[in-house]
């Protein structure tokens, strides 16, 4: 398997800052208190911390769902969903190289806000994680719209370029739904 490009230490700092801002924006948008937000069980990982089956060519991130269980409990009723946002460094960096007008911070901000919206919707049973292909396409469109709505009030350098980039993706989803 070819060696995939990973974020360097400076890029990881930018990723961490983007994730922190994304968490705050999504929490505020869904009017979740800190206690409610921390109750959500998820983690954000980059390529360096992903297992081979969590790595993919294509999307910039994917959510993998695991079943978690508290220590020292054996009852199945104590299991919970744990979501891992798997950032695909190599895909993100390749997109940034192709689109010279985009910057890492706003691009990661969009990606993580998008994935956190999915997790909130799964956790609140607004959307089924194991939906049909057609429903997943419709959900992607809804989540892209909600991402745009959340980010439309944010003043971050370079965010307009990212929103323009994702405008093209919205047309792709429209074509998939009509095709």
Protein backbone atom coordinates (compact mmCIF):
# COMPACT_ATOMS: atom_id res chain seq x y z
CA UNK A 1 0.00 0.00 0.00
CA UNK A 2 1.31 3.43 -0.88
CA UNK A 3 2.33 5.78 1.89
CA UNK A 4 -0.41 8.39 2.35
CA UNK A 5 0.43 12.01 3.15
CA UNK A 6 -0.33 12.97 6.75
CA UNK A 7 -0.74 16.34 8.43
CA UNK A 8 2.51 17.77 9.73
CA UNK A 9 2.76 19.17 13.30
CA UNK A 10 1.90 22.73 12.22
CA UNK A 11 -1.11 21.47 10.26
CA UNK A 12 -2.24 19.40 13.27
CA UNK A 13 -2.35 22.57 15.38
CA UNK A 14 -4.60 24.15 12.75
CA UNK A 15 -6.78 21.01 12.71
CA UNK A 16 -7.13 21.11 16.51
CA UNK A 17 -8.18 24.77 16.42
CA UNK A 18 -10.68 24.07 13.64
CA UNK A 19 -12.17 21.16 15.59
CA UNK A 20 -12.56 23.29 18.74
CA UNK A 21 -14.35 26.01 16.78
CA UNK A 22 -16.54 23.47 14.97
CA UNK A 23 -17.63 21.91 18.27
CA UNK A 24 -18.60 25.31 19.63
CA UNK A 25 -20.51 26.28 16.48
CA UNK A 26 -22.50 23.04 16.29
CA UNK A 27 -23.19 23.01 20.03
CA UNK A 28 -24.49 26.59 19.83
CA UNK A 29 -26.56 25.88 16.72
CA UNK A 30 -28.32 22.93 18.35
CA UNK A 31 -28.58 24.85 21.64
CA UNK A 32 -26.84 22.11 23.57
CA UNK A 33 -25.39 22.84 26.98
CA UNK A 34 -21.83 21.81 27.73
CA UNK A 35 -23.13 18.86 29.73
CA UNK A 36 -25.31 17.73 26.83
CA UNK A 37 -22.49 18.22 24.34
CA UNK A 38 -19.94 16.26 26.34
CA UNK A 39 -22.50 13.51 26.69
CA UNK A 40 -22.18 12.87 22.96
CA UNK A 41 -19.61 10.17 22.46
CA UNK A 42 -17.29 10.81 19.56
CA UNK A 43 -13.68 11.53 18.72
CA UNK A 44 -11.91 13.18 15.82
CA UNK A 45 -8.81 11.41 14.52
CA UNK A 46 -6.36 12.08 11.73
CA UNK A 47 -4.66 9.56 9.48
CA UNK A 48 -1.83 8.92 11.96
CA UNK A 49 -4.36 7.41 14.40
CA UNK A 50 -6.60 5.54 11.98
CA UNK A 51 -6.78 1.79 11.43
CA UNK A 52 -6.52 0.61 7.82
CA UNK A 53 -10.28 -0.01 7.63
CA UNK A 54 -10.92 3.60 8.76
CA UNK A 55 -8.89 4.97 5.86
CA UNK A 56 -10.56 5.62 2.54
CA UNK A 57 -9.88 7.24 -0.83
CA UNK A 58 -12.53 9.73 -1.72
CA UNK A 59 -14.29 11.60 1.03
CA UNK A 60 -12.41 14.06 3.20
CA UNK A 61 -13.76 12.37 6.31
CA UNK A 62 -15.95 9.50 7.28
CA UNK A 63 -17.80 8.56 10.42
CA UNK A 64 -17.33 5.08 11.79
CA UNK A 65 -19.71 3.86 14.48
CA UNK A 66 -18.58 1.55 17.24
CA UNK A 67 -20.40 0.07 20.19
CA UNK A 68 -18.97 1.28 23.47
CA UNK A 69 -19.49 -0.03 26.95
CA UNK A 70 -18.53 1.40 30.30
CA UNK A 71 -15.83 -0.42 32.24
CA UNK A 72 -16.98 -3.05 34.70
CA UNK A 73 -20.41 -3.45 33.11
CA UNK A 74 -21.60 -6.60 31.43
CA UNK A 75 -25.21 -5.74 30.64
CA UNK A 76 -25.96 -5.04 27.00
CA UNK A 77 -28.18 -2.17 28.15
CA UNK A 78 -25.02 -0.30 29.13
CA UNK A 79 -23.73 -0.17 25.55
CA UNK A 80 -23.74 3.09 23.61
CA UNK A 81 -22.83 4.34 20.17
CA UNK A 82 -19.34 5.80 19.86
CA UNK A 83 -18.60 7.71 16.67
CA UNK A 84 -15.17 8.32 15.24
CA UNK A 85 -14.70 11.13 12.74
CA UNK A 86 -11.87 9.85 10.58
CA UNK A 87 -10.20 12.76 8.82
CA UNK A 88 -8.52 11.66 5.61
CA UNK A 89 -5.39 13.82 5.64
CA UNK A 90 -4.26 12.65 2.20
CA UNK A 91 -7.56 13.56 0.53
CA UNK A 92 -7.77 16.92 2.31
CA UNK A 93 -4.19 17.86 1.43
CA UNK A 94 -4.68 16.76 -2.19
CA UNK A 95 -7.79 18.96 -2.49
CA UNK A 96 -5.91 21.93 -1.04
CA UNK A 97 -3.09 21.43 -3.55
CA UNK A 98 -5.59 21.37 -6.42
CA UNK A 99 -7.56 24.36 -5.19
CA UNK A 100 -4.96 26.98 -4.38
CA UNK A 101 -7.54 29.46 -3.12
CA UNK A 102 -8.56 27.27 -0.15
CA UNK A 103 -6.82 27.21 3.21
CA UNK A 104 -6.59 24.41 5.76
CA UNK A 105 -8.39 26.08 8.71
CA UNK A 106 -11.67 26.94 6.95
CA UNK A 107 -11.64 23.68 4.98
CA UNK A 108 -11.29 21.55 8.14
CA UNK A 109 -13.86 23.79 9.86
CA UNK A 110 -16.42 22.96 7.15
CA UNK A 111 -15.58 19.25 7.18
CA UNK A 112 -15.80 18.88 10.97
CA UNK A 113 -18.96 21.00 11.33
CA UNK A 114 -20.51 18.77 8.65
CA UNK A 115 -19.51 15.53 10.41
CA UNK A 116 -20.58 16.81 13.85
CA UNK A 117 -24.02 17.65 12.45
CA UNK A 118 -24.30 14.03 11.31
CA UNK A 119 -23.38 12.81 14.81
CA UNK A 120 -25.90 15.12 16.48
CA UNK A 121 -28.60 13.92 14.06
CA UNK A 122 -27.71 10.24 14.70
CA UNK A 123 -27.60 10.80 18.47
CA UNK A 124 -30.96 12.59 18.53
CA UNK A 125 -32.49 9.88 16.29
CA UNK A 126 -33.25 12.45 13.58
CA UNK A 127 -31.38 10.25 11.09
CA UNK A 128 -30.66 6.52 11.06
CA UNK A 129 -26.97 5.67 10.74
CA UNK A 130 -27.85 2.58 8.67
CA UNK A 131 -30.10 4.35 6.17
CA UNK A 132 -30.63 3.28 2.56
CA UNK A 133 -28.40 4.70 -0.18
CA UNK A 134 -31.17 7.05 -1.30
CA UNK A 135 -31.76 8.30 2.23
CA UNK A 136 -28.01 8.79 2.77
CA UNK A 137 -27.87 10.98 -0.34
CA UNK A 138 -30.84 13.02 0.89
CA UNK A 139 -29.22 13.27 4.33
CA UNK A 140 -25.95 14.51 2.82
CA UNK A 141 -27.84 17.29 1.09
CA UNK A 142 -29.63 18.25 4.35
CA UNK A 143 -26.38 18.23 6.30
CA UNK A 144 -24.58 20.33 3.68
CA UNK A 145 -27.43 22.86 3.91
CA UNK A 146 -27.22 22.92 7.72
CA UNK A 147 -23.42 23.27 7.52
CA UNK A 148 -23.81 26.26 5.19
CA UNK A 149 -26.44 27.76 7.51
CA UNK A 150 -24.17 27.45 10.57
CA UNK A 151 -21.12 28.82 8.77
CA UNK A 152 -22.95 31.66 7.01
CA UNK A 153 -22.56 33.87 10.11
CA UNK A 154 -18.92 32.99 10.78
CA UNK A 155 -16.20 35.46 9.87
CA UNK A 156 -13.14 33.34 9.08
CA UNK A 157 -10.60 34.22 6.43
CA UNK A 158 -10.93 31.90 3.46
CA UNK A 159 -14.34 30.49 4.40
CA UNK A 160 -16.02 32.03 1.34
CA UNK A 161 -13.67 30.01 -0.90
CA UNK A 162 -14.63 26.81 0.93
CA UNK A 163 -18.35 27.57 0.64
CA UNK A 164 -17.86 28.19 -3.08
CA UNK A 165 -16.01 24.87 -3.37
CA UNK A 166 -18.93 23.07 -1.71
CA UNK A 167 -21.47 24.77 -3.99
CA UNK A 168 -20.19 22.41 -6.70
CA UNK A 169 -20.83 19.46 -4.41
CA UNK A 170 -24.44 20.50 -3.86
CA UNK A 171 -25.00 20.21 -7.61
CA UNK A 172 -23.50 16.69 -7.52
CA UNK A 173 -26.00 15.63 -4.85
CA UNK A 174 -28.85 17.09 -6.87
CA UNK A 175 -27.70 15.00 -9.85
CA UNK A 176 -27.47 11.82 -7.75
CA UNK A 177 -31.00 12.30 -6.44
CA UNK A 178 -32.43 12.92 -9.90
CA UNK A 179 -30.37 10.18 -11.60
